[in-house]
Amino acid sequence: MKETVQDLKTRRSVKKYRPDQITKNELIQVLEAGMNAPTGMNRQSPVMVAVQDPETVKQLSSMNAAVMGVSSDPFYGAPTVIVVLADSTVPTYLYDGSLVMGNLLNAAHALGLGACWIHRAKEVFALEEGKKLLKKWGLDDRYEGIGHCIIGYGDGPLPAAKVRKENYVIWD
């Protein structure tokens, strides 16, 4: 248990990656952690799309950059992207997908990988190009983007922890 708490306390968003791809075994372990996130009434509204094809990663990054209004790579060169989407007809879909994202990030860190939650998935998959990807993956427009979990081997030390705000916990 001490290791789990330590992993939760030391996880940081990684924004610089080596180009080498993570192993299939590492990816499977991260995905299994995502699959085991709690969901409202166990409805399991999220789905994860594991993307390691460099062209699709580049396409997703470009779409995300366009939504953001920049030309830089919002995926920081990460070689793997796990797209988390959730069935928006399920009342708890946003929370369910967010819990999956949290599990993915924490599992990646526990395995010694770098990871970061990249926003704008909702907007990316509302685009025509995003809808085409959903169709390619066998999903319909009920699925809303929750986040992109970028993963790879970090290039450099983890960033230092930021000071936590004074009133983070209120005791009653």
N, C-alpha and C. Protein backbone atom coordinates (compact mmCIF):
# COMPACT_ATOMS: atom_id res chain seq x y z
N MET A 1 0.82 -1.19 0.00
CA MET A 1 0.00 0.00 0.00
C MET A 1 0.87 1.26 0.00
N LYS A 2 2.00 1.21 0.72
CA LYS A 2 2.87 2.37 0.77
C LYS A 2 3.35 2.75 -0.63
N GLU A 3 3.64 1.75 -1.47
CA GLU A 3 4.07 2.03 -2.85
C GLU A 3 2.98 2.72 -3.63
N THR A 4 1.75 2.27 -3.48
CA THR A 4 0.62 2.88 -4.20
C THR A 4 0.48 4.34 -3.81
N VAL A 5 0.49 4.62 -2.53
CA VAL A 5 0.35 6.00 -2.06
C VAL A 5 1.53 6.84 -2.56
N GLN A 6 2.72 6.28 -2.52
CA GLN A 6 3.90 7.00 -3.00
C GLN A 6 3.77 7.30 -4.50
N ASP A 7 3.30 6.33 -5.28
CA ASP A 7 3.08 6.57 -6.72
C ASP A 7 2.07 7.68 -6.94
N LEU A 8 0.99 7.67 -6.17
CA LEU A 8 -0.04 8.71 -6.32
C LEU A 8 0.52 10.09 -5.97
N LYS A 9 1.39 10.14 -4.99
CA LYS A 9 1.95 11.42 -4.55
C LYS A 9 3.06 11.93 -5.46
N THR A 10 3.71 11.05 -6.20
CA THR A 10 4.86 11.47 -7.02
C THR A 10 4.56 11.55 -8.51
N ARG A 11 3.36 11.19 -8.95
CA ARG A 11 3.02 11.28 -10.37
C ARG A 11 3.02 12.74 -10.80
N ARG A 12 3.58 13.00 -11.97
CA ARG A 12 3.61 14.34 -12.54
C ARG A 12 3.29 14.26 -14.02
N SER A 13 2.82 15.35 -14.59
CA SER A 13 2.59 15.42 -16.02
C SER A 13 3.93 15.55 -16.73
N VAL A 14 4.18 14.63 -17.66
CA VAL A 14 5.43 14.62 -18.41
C VAL A 14 5.20 15.28 -19.76
N LYS A 15 6.09 16.21 -20.10
CA LYS A 15 5.91 16.98 -21.33
C LYS A 15 7.15 16.95 -22.23
N LYS A 16 7.96 15.90 -22.06
CA LYS A 16 9.10 15.68 -22.94
C LYS A 16 9.36 14.18 -22.99
N TYR A 17 9.38 13.62 -24.22
CA TYR A 17 9.45 12.17 -24.39
C TYR A 17 10.59 11.76 -25.31
N ARG A 18 11.13 10.58 -25.02
CA ARG A 18 12.06 9.95 -25.95
C ARG A 18 11.23 9.38 -27.11
N PRO A 19 11.81 9.21 -28.28
CA PRO A 19 11.03 8.73 -29.43
C PRO A 19 10.70 7.25 -29.41
N ASP A 20 11.41 6.44 -28.60
CA ASP A 20 11.17 4.99 -28.63
C ASP A 20 9.82 4.64 -28.03
N GLN A 21 9.18 3.66 -28.66
CA GLN A 21 7.83 3.24 -28.30
C GLN A 21 7.83 2.41 -27.01
N ILE A 22 6.78 2.53 -26.22
CA ILE A 22 6.62 1.69 -25.04
C ILE A 22 6.32 0.26 -25.51
N THR A 23 6.52 -0.69 -24.61
CA THR A 23 6.30 -2.09 -24.98
C THR A 23 4.80 -2.42 -24.97
N LYS A 24 4.45 -3.47 -25.67
CA LYS A 24 3.06 -3.92 -25.69
C LYS A 24 2.62 -4.31 -24.28
N ASN A 25 3.49 -4.96 -23.53
CA ASN A 25 3.16 -5.37 -22.17
C ASN A 25 2.88 -4.15 -21.29
N GLU A 26 3.68 -3.11 -21.41
CA GLU A 26 3.44 -1.89 -20.64
C GLU A 26 2.09 -1.28 -21.01
N LEU A 27 1.82 -1.23 -22.31
CA LEU A 27 0.55 -0.66 -22.77
C LEU A 27 -0.63 -1.47 -22.25
N ILE A 28 -0.53 -2.78 -22.30
CA ILE A 28 -1.62 -3.65 -21.82
C ILE A 28 -1.87 -3.39 -20.33
N GLN A 29 -0.80 -3.28 -19.55
CA GLN A 29 -0.97 -3.03 -18.11
C GLN A 29 -1.66 -1.68 -17.84
N VAL A 30 -1.29 -0.67 -18.59
CA VAL A 30 -1.93 0.64 -18.43
C VAL A 30 -3.40 0.55 -18.81
N LEU A 31 -3.69 -0.11 -19.94
CA LEU A 31 -5.09 -0.26 -20.38
C LEU A 31 -5.92 -1.05 -19.37
N GLU A 32 -5.33 -2.09 -18.78
CA GLU A 32 -6.05 -2.86 -17.77
C GLU A 32 -6.41 -2.00 -16.56
N ALA A 33 -5.51 -1.09 -16.19
CA ALA A 33 -5.81 -0.17 -15.09
C ALA A 33 -6.99 0.73 -15.48
N GLY A 34 -7.01 1.20 -16.72
CA GLY A 34 -8.13 2.01 -17.18
C GLY A 34 -9.44 1.23 -17.17
N MET A 35 -9.37 -0.03 -17.57
CA MET A 35 -10.57 -0.88 -17.61
C MET A 35 -11.14 -1.13 -16.22
N ASN A 36 -10.31 -0.99 -15.21
CA ASN A 36 -10.74 -1.27 -13.85
C ASN A 36 -11.10 -0.01 -13.05
N ALA A 37 -11.22 1.10 -13.72
CA ALA A 37 -11.68 2.32 -13.05
C ALA A 37 -13.15 2.16 -12.68
N PRO A 38 -13.57 2.73 -11.57
CA PRO A 38 -14.99 2.66 -11.22
C PRO A 38 -15.82 3.47 -12.20
N THR A 39 -17.05 3.01 -12.44
CA THR A 39 -17.99 3.74 -13.28
C THR A 39 -19.36 3.72 -12.60
N GLY A 40 -20.15 4.73 -12.87
CA GLY A 40 -21.47 4.84 -12.27
C GLY A 40 -22.32 3.62 -12.57
N MET A 41 -22.82 2.97 -11.51
CA MET A 41 -23.67 1.79 -11.62
C MET A 41 -23.04 0.70 -12.49
N ASN A 42 -21.69 0.71 -12.57
CA ASN A 42 -20.93 -0.24 -13.38
C ASN A 42 -21.40 -0.28 -14.84
N ARG A 43 -21.84 0.86 -15.34
CA ARG A 43 -22.31 0.92 -16.74
C ARG A 43 -21.16 0.89 -17.74
N GLN A 44 -19.95 1.16 -17.28
CA GLN A 44 -18.76 1.08 -18.12
C GLN A 44 -18.93 1.88 -19.42
N SER A 45 -19.31 3.15 -19.27
CA SER A 45 -19.57 3.99 -20.45
C SER A 45 -18.32 4.33 -21.27
N PRO A 46 -17.11 4.33 -20.69
CA PRO A 46 -15.95 4.71 -21.50
C PRO A 46 -15.45 3.59 -22.42
N VAL A 47 -14.74 4.02 -23.44
CA VAL A 47 -13.93 3.14 -24.28
C VAL A 47 -12.57 3.82 -24.43
N MET A 48 -11.56 3.00 -24.64
CA MET A 48 -10.21 3.51 -24.85
C MET A 48 -9.74 3.05 -26.23
N VAL A 49 -9.17 3.96 -26.97
CA VAL A 49 -8.57 3.62 -28.26
C VAL A 49 -7.07 3.80 -28.10
N ALA A 50 -6.34 2.69 -28.16
CA ALA A 50 -4.88 2.72 -28.03
C ALA A 50 -4.28 2.99 -29.40
N VAL A 51 -3.56 4.09 -29.52
CA VAL A 51 -3.00 4.52 -30.80
C VAL A 51 -1.48 4.55 -30.70
N GLN A 52 -0.83 3.71 -31.50
CA GLN A 52 0.62 3.71 -31.58
C GLN A 52 1.11 3.91 -33.02
N ASP A 53 0.20 3.92 -33.97
CA ASP A 53 0.55 4.19 -35.35
C ASP A 53 1.01 5.64 -35.45
N PRO A 54 2.26 5.89 -35.87
CA PRO A 54 2.78 7.25 -35.90
C PRO A 54 1.93 8.23 -36.72
N GLU A 55 1.36 7.77 -37.80
CA GLU A 55 0.54 8.67 -38.63
C GLU A 55 -0.74 9.09 -37.91
N THR A 56 -1.37 8.15 -37.22
CA THR A 56 -2.59 8.48 -36.48
C THR A 56 -2.28 9.36 -35.28
N VAL A 57 -1.16 9.09 -34.60
CA VAL A 57 -0.74 9.96 -33.49
C VAL A 57 -0.54 11.38 -34.01
N LYS A 58 0.14 11.50 -35.15
CA LYS A 58 0.39 12.82 -35.75
C LYS A 58 -0.93 13.50 -36.13
N GLN A 59 -1.85 12.74 -36.69
CA GLN A 59 -3.16 13.28 -37.07
C GLN A 59 -3.90 13.81 -35.83
N LEU A 60 -3.93 13.01 -34.77
CA LEU A 60 -4.60 13.44 -33.54
C LEU A 60 -3.95 14.69 -32.97
N SER A 61 -2.63 14.72 -32.98
CA SER A 61 -1.91 15.89 -32.48
C SER A 61 -2.23 17.13 -33.30
N SER A 62 -2.24 16.98 -34.62
CA SER A 62 -2.56 18.11 -35.51
C SER A 62 -3.98 18.62 -35.29
N MET A 63 -4.92 17.70 -35.12
CA MET A 63 -6.30 18.09 -34.86
C MET A 63 -6.40 18.84 -33.54
N ASN A 64 -5.71 18.34 -32.53
CA ASN A 64 -5.72 18.97 -31.22
C ASN A 64 -5.10 20.36 -31.29
N ALA A 65 -3.99 20.48 -32.01
CA ALA A 65 -3.32 21.77 -32.17
C ALA A 65 -4.24 22.77 -32.87
N ALA A 66 -4.96 22.29 -33.90
CA ALA A 66 -5.88 23.19 -34.63
C ALA A 66 -6.97 23.71 -33.71
N VAL A 67 -7.53 22.84 -32.87
CA VAL A 67 -8.55 23.27 -31.91
C VAL A 67 -7.97 24.29 -30.95
N MET A 68 -6.72 24.06 -30.55
CA MET A 68 -6.04 24.93 -29.60
C MET A 68 -5.59 26.24 -30.25
N GLY A 69 -5.46 26.23 -31.58
CA GLY A 69 -5.02 27.43 -32.29
C GLY A 69 -3.51 27.61 -32.31
N VAL A 70 -2.78 26.48 -32.29
CA VAL A 70 -1.32 26.54 -32.33
C VAL A 70 -0.80 25.62 -33.44
N SER A 71 0.47 25.76 -33.75
CA SER A 71 1.08 24.87 -34.74
C SER A 71 2.06 23.89 -34.09
N SER A 72 2.31 24.04 -32.79
CA SER A 72 3.22 23.14 -32.08
C SER A 72 2.53 21.81 -31.79
N ASP A 73 3.30 20.85 -31.28
CA ASP A 73 2.78 19.52 -30.97
C ASP A 73 2.25 19.48 -29.54
N PRO A 74 0.93 19.49 -29.35
CA PRO A 74 0.39 19.44 -28.00
C PRO A 74 0.58 18.08 -27.33
N PHE A 75 1.08 17.09 -28.07
CA PHE A 75 1.35 15.77 -27.50
C PHE A 75 2.82 15.60 -27.11
N TYR A 76 3.62 16.65 -27.27
CA TYR A 76 5.01 16.69 -26.80
C TYR A 76 5.88 15.56 -27.31
N GLY A 77 5.53 15.01 -28.47
CA GLY A 77 6.34 13.93 -29.04
C GLY A 77 6.10 12.56 -28.45
N ALA A 78 5.07 12.40 -27.63
CA ALA A 78 4.78 11.09 -27.04
C ALA A 78 4.42 10.10 -28.16
N PRO A 79 4.96 8.87 -28.11
CA PRO A 79 4.70 7.91 -29.18
C PRO A 79 3.38 7.15 -29.06
N THR A 80 2.74 7.19 -27.89
CA THR A 80 1.49 6.47 -27.67
C THR A 80 0.43 7.44 -27.17
N VAL A 81 -0.78 7.27 -27.71
CA VAL A 81 -1.92 8.06 -27.23
C VAL A 81 -3.06 7.09 -26.94
N ILE A 82 -3.62 7.21 -25.76
CA ILE A 82 -4.84 6.48 -25.45
C ILE A 82 -5.96 7.50 -25.45
N VAL A 83 -6.85 7.37 -26.42
CA VAL A 83 -7.99 8.28 -26.50
C VAL A 83 -9.09 7.70 -25.63
N VAL A 84 -9.57 8.49 -24.68
CA VAL A 84 -10.67 8.05 -23.84
C VAL A 84 -11.93 8.78 -24.31
N LEU A 85 -12.92 7.97 -24.65
CA LEU A 85 -14.23 8.47 -25.08
C LEU A 85 -15.26 7.81 -24.18
N ALA A 86 -16.43 8.41 -24.10
CA ALA A 86 -17.47 7.79 -23.28
C ALA A 86 -18.83 8.02 -23.91
N ASP A 87 -19.72 7.07 -23.69
CA ASP A 87 -21.08 7.10 -24.22
C ASP A 87 -21.87 8.20 -23.50
N SER A 88 -22.12 9.28 -24.21
CA SER A 88 -22.74 10.46 -23.60
C SER A 88 -24.21 10.26 -23.23
N THR A 89 -24.79 9.11 -23.59
CA THR A 89 -26.18 8.84 -23.18
C THR A 89 -26.24 8.28 -21.75
N VAL A 90 -25.08 7.96 -21.18
CA VAL A 90 -25.01 7.47 -19.80
C VAL A 90 -24.80 8.70 -18.90
N PRO A 91 -25.67 8.90 -17.91
CA PRO A 91 -25.58 10.12 -17.10
C PRO A 91 -24.22 10.39 -16.46
N THR A 92 -23.47 9.35 -16.13
CA THR A 92 -22.19 9.54 -15.44
C THR A 92 -20.98 9.49 -16.38
N TYR A 93 -21.21 9.59 -17.69
CA TYR A 93 -20.13 9.36 -18.67
C TYR A 93 -18.90 10.24 -18.44
N LEU A 94 -19.09 11.51 -18.13
CA LEU A 94 -17.96 12.42 -17.97
C LEU A 94 -17.11 12.02 -16.76
N TYR A 95 -17.76 11.66 -15.68
CA TYR A 95 -17.05 11.23 -14.47
C TYR A 95 -16.38 9.88 -14.70
N ASP A 96 -17.10 8.98 -15.37
CA ASP A 96 -16.55 7.65 -15.67
C ASP A 96 -15.26 7.79 -16.49
N GLY A 97 -15.33 8.59 -17.54
CA GLY A 97 -14.15 8.78 -18.40
C GLY A 97 -13.00 9.45 -17.67
N SER A 98 -13.35 10.38 -16.77
CA SER A 98 -12.30 11.05 -16.00
C SER A 98 -11.60 10.09 -15.05
N LEU A 99 -12.35 9.16 -14.48
CA LEU A 99 -11.74 8.15 -13.61
C LEU A 99 -10.83 7.23 -14.42
N VAL A 100 -11.24 6.88 -15.63
CA VAL A 100 -10.38 6.07 -16.50
C VAL A 100 -9.08 6.83 -16.76
N MET A 101 -9.18 8.11 -17.10
CA MET A 101 -7.98 8.92 -17.35
C MET A 101 -7.06 8.91 -16.14
N GLY A 102 -7.62 9.08 -14.95
CA GLY A 102 -6.80 9.07 -13.74
C GLY A 102 -6.08 7.75 -13.55
N ASN A 103 -6.80 6.66 -13.77
CA ASN A 103 -6.16 5.34 -13.64
C ASN A 103 -5.04 5.16 -14.66
N LEU A 104 -5.26 5.62 -15.89
CA LEU A 104 -4.22 5.51 -16.92
C LEU A 104 -2.97 6.26 -16.50
N LEU A 105 -3.15 7.49 -16.04
CA LEU A 105 -2.00 8.32 -15.64
C LEU A 105 -1.24 7.71 -14.47
N ASN A 106 -1.98 7.23 -13.48
CA ASN A 106 -1.34 6.65 -12.31
C ASN A 106 -0.65 5.33 -12.63
N ALA A 107 -1.26 4.51 -13.46
CA ALA A 107 -0.65 3.24 -13.85
C ALA A 107 0.62 3.47 -14.65
N ALA A 108 0.58 4.43 -15.57
CA ALA A 108 1.78 4.73 -16.37
C ALA A 108 2.93 5.12 -15.44
N HIS A 109 2.66 5.98 -14.48
CA HIS A 109 3.71 6.39 -13.54
C HIS A 109 4.23 5.20 -12.74
N ALA A 110 3.33 4.36 -12.26
CA ALA A 110 3.74 3.19 -11.47
C ALA A 110 4.65 2.26 -12.27
N LEU A 111 4.49 2.26 -13.60
CA LEU A 111 5.32 1.42 -14.46
C LEU A 111 6.60 2.12 -14.92
N GLY A 112 6.81 3.35 -14.45
CA GLY A 112 8.01 4.09 -14.83
C GLY A 112 7.88 4.82 -16.14
N LEU A 113 6.66 4.98 -16.63
CA LEU A 113 6.41 5.70 -17.88
C LEU A 113 6.01 7.13 -17.58
N GLY A 114 6.18 7.98 -18.58
CA GLY A 114 5.68 9.35 -18.49
C GLY A 114 4.32 9.41 -19.13
N ALA A 115 3.46 10.28 -18.62
CA ALA A 115 2.12 10.43 -19.18
C ALA A 115 1.60 11.83 -18.87
N CYS A 116 0.61 12.25 -19.65
CA CYS A 116 -0.01 13.55 -19.42
C CYS A 116 -1.42 13.53 -20.02
N TRP A 117 -2.36 14.17 -19.33
CA TRP A 117 -3.73 14.33 -19.82
C TRP A 117 -3.73 15.54 -20.74
N ILE A 118 -4.12 15.34 -21.98
CA ILE A 118 -4.24 16.43 -22.95
C ILE A 118 -5.72 16.64 -23.22
N HIS A 119 -6.17 17.85 -22.98
CA HIS A 119 -7.59 18.18 -23.15
C HIS A 119 -7.95 18.37 -24.63
N ARG A 120 -9.13 18.85 -24.88
CA ARG A 120 -9.69 19.17 -26.20
C ARG A 120 -10.17 17.95 -26.96
N ALA A 121 -10.27 16.79 -26.33
CA ALA A 121 -10.79 15.60 -27.01
C ALA A 121 -12.26 15.80 -27.39
N LYS A 122 -13.02 16.47 -26.56
CA LYS A 122 -14.43 16.72 -26.88
C LYS A 122 -14.53 17.48 -28.19
N GLU A 123 -13.74 18.52 -28.32
CA GLU A 123 -13.78 19.35 -29.53
C GLU A 123 -13.22 18.61 -30.75
N VAL A 124 -12.15 17.83 -30.54
CA VAL A 124 -11.53 17.08 -31.65
C VAL A 124 -12.53 16.10 -32.26
N PHE A 125 -13.29 15.40 -31.42
CA PHE A 125 -14.18 14.38 -31.95
C PHE A 125 -15.55 14.93 -32.34
N ALA A 126 -15.73 16.23 -32.18
CA ALA A 126 -16.92 16.90 -32.72
C ALA A 126 -16.66 17.37 -34.15
N LEU A 127 -15.39 17.41 -34.56
CA LEU A 127 -15.02 17.80 -35.92
C LEU A 127 -15.37 16.68 -36.90
N GLU A 128 -15.55 17.02 -38.16
CA GLU A 128 -15.82 15.99 -39.18
C GLU A 128 -14.70 14.96 -39.24
N GLU A 129 -13.46 15.43 -39.17
CA GLU A 129 -12.32 14.51 -39.19
C GLU A 129 -12.34 13.59 -37.97
N GLY A 130 -12.75 14.12 -36.83
CA GLY A 130 -12.87 13.31 -35.62
C GLY A 130 -13.98 12.29 -35.74
N LYS A 131 -15.10 12.69 -36.35
CA LYS A 131 -16.22 11.76 -36.55
C LYS A 131 -15.81 10.62 -37.49
N LYS A 132 -14.95 10.92 -38.45
CA LYS A 132 -14.46 9.88 -39.35
C LYS A 132 -13.60 8.87 -38.59
N LEU A 133 -12.79 9.37 -37.66
CA LEU A 133 -12.00 8.45 -36.83
C LEU A 133 -12.90 7.59 -35.97
N LEU A 134 -13.93 8.19 -35.37
CA LEU A 134 -14.87 7.40 -34.56
C LEU A 134 -15.46 6.27 -35.40
N LYS A 135 -15.87 6.61 -36.60
CA LYS A 135 -16.46 5.60 -37.49
C LYS A 135 -15.44 4.50 -37.81
N LYS A 136 -14.20 4.91 -38.10
CA LYS A 136 -13.12 3.94 -38.38
C LYS A 136 -12.94 2.98 -37.21
N TRP A 137 -13.11 3.50 -35.99
CA TRP A 137 -12.94 2.68 -34.78
C TRP A 137 -14.22 1.95 -34.38
N GLY A 138 -15.28 2.06 -35.18
CA GLY A 138 -16.52 1.34 -34.90
C GLY A 138 -17.40 2.02 -33.85
N LEU A 139 -17.21 3.32 -33.67
CA LEU A 139 -17.98 4.07 -32.68
C LEU A 139 -18.90 5.07 -33.38
N ASP A 140 -20.01 5.40 -32.73
CA ASP A 140 -20.91 6.39 -33.32
C ASP A 140 -20.81 7.70 -32.55
N ASP A 141 -21.63 8.65 -32.94
CA ASP A 141 -21.51 9.99 -32.36
C ASP A 141 -22.07 10.12 -30.95
N ARG A 142 -22.51 9.02 -30.35
CA ARG A 142 -22.86 9.04 -28.93
C ARG A 142 -21.60 9.21 -28.09
N TYR A 143 -20.46 8.82 -28.65
CA TYR A 143 -19.21 8.86 -27.91
C TYR A 143 -18.59 10.24 -27.97
N GLU A 144 -18.34 10.77 -26.78
CA GLU A 144 -17.75 12.11 -26.64
C GLU A 144 -16.33 11.95 -26.13
N GLY A 145 -15.44 12.76 -26.67
CA GLY A 145 -14.06 12.74 -26.21
C GLY A 145 -13.93 13.24 -24.79
N ILE A 146 -13.23 12.49 -23.97
CA ILE A 146 -12.96 12.88 -22.58
C ILE A 146 -11.54 13.43 -22.46
N GLY A 147 -10.58 12.74 -23.04
CA GLY A 147 -9.20 13.19 -22.98
C GLY A 147 -8.28 12.30 -23.79
N HIS A 148 -7.11 12.83 -24.06
CA HIS A 148 -6.03 12.08 -24.70
C HIS A 148 -4.99 11.82 -23.62
N CYS A 149 -4.68 10.58 -23.35
CA CYS A 149 -3.62 10.24 -22.41
C CYS A 149 -2.39 9.92 -23.23
N ILE A 150 -1.43 10.85 -23.24
CA ILE A 150 -0.19 10.61 -23.98
C ILE A 150 0.76 9.85 -23.06
N ILE A 151 1.49 8.90 -23.65
CA ILE A 151 2.36 8.03 -22.86
C ILE A 151 3.65 7.76 -23.62
N GLY A 152 4.73 7.69 -22.88
CA GLY A 152 6.02 7.33 -23.45
C GLY A 152 7.06 7.27 -22.35
N TYR A 153 8.30 7.14 -22.77
CA TYR A 153 9.40 7.18 -21.81
C TYR A 153 9.81 8.64 -21.68
N GLY A 154 9.70 9.14 -20.47
CA GLY A 154 10.06 10.54 -20.24
C GLY A 154 11.52 10.80 -20.57
N ASP A 155 11.78 11.99 -21.06
CA ASP A 155 13.14 12.41 -21.42
C ASP A 155 13.58 13.46 -20.40
N GLY A 156 14.14 12.99 -19.30
CA GLY A 156 14.57 13.90 -18.25
C GLY A 156 13.87 13.59 -16.94
N PRO A 157 14.26 14.31 -15.90
CA PRO A 157 13.66 14.06 -14.58
C PRO A 157 12.21 14.55 -14.52
N LEU A 158 11.45 13.96 -13.61
CA LEU A 158 10.08 14.43 -13.38
C LEU A 158 10.12 15.84 -12.82
N PRO A 159 9.14 16.65 -13.19
CA PRO A 159 9.08 17.99 -12.60
C PRO A 159 8.87 17.90 -11.09
N ALA A 160 9.32 18.91 -10.38
CA ALA A 160 9.11 18.97 -8.94
C ALA A 160 7.63 19.21 -8.66
N ALA A 161 7.20 18.72 -7.51
CA ALA A 161 5.81 18.92 -7.09
C ALA A 161 5.57 20.39 -6.80
N LYS A 162 4.42 20.88 -7.17
CA LYS A 162 4.00 22.24 -6.82
C LYS A 162 3.47 22.22 -5.39
N VAL A 163 3.61 23.33 -4.70
CA VAL A 163 3.08 23.45 -3.35
C VAL A 163 1.56 23.33 -3.42
N ARG A 164 0.99 22.53 -2.55
CA ARG A 164 -0.47 22.35 -2.51
C ARG A 164 -1.09 23.51 -1.75
N LYS A 165 -2.24 23.96 -2.23
CA LYS A 165 -2.88 25.11 -1.60
C LYS A 165 -3.22 24.83 -0.13
N GLU A 166 -3.26 25.88 0.64
CA GLU A 166 -3.43 25.78 2.09
C GLU A 166 -4.76 25.16 2.48
N ASN A 167 -5.83 25.50 1.79
CA ASN A 167 -7.16 25.04 2.19
C ASN A 167 -7.67 23.88 1.33
N TYR A 168 -6.77 23.01 0.90
CA TYR A 168 -7.16 21.87 0.05
C TYR A 168 -8.12 20.95 0.79
N VAL A 169 -7.90 20.77 2.08
CA VAL A 169 -8.76 19.90 2.89
C VAL A 169 -9.44 20.75 3.95
N ILE A 170 -10.72 20.57 4.06
CA ILE A 170 -11.49 21.24 5.12
C ILE A 170 -11.93 20.16 6.09
N TRP A 171 -11.54 20.29 7.33
CA TRP A 171 -11.90 19.32 8.36
C TRP A 171 -13.17 19.77 9.06
N ASP A 172 -14.06 18.85 9.28
CA ASP A 172 -15.30 19.15 10.00
C ASP A 172 -15.33 18.33 11.28
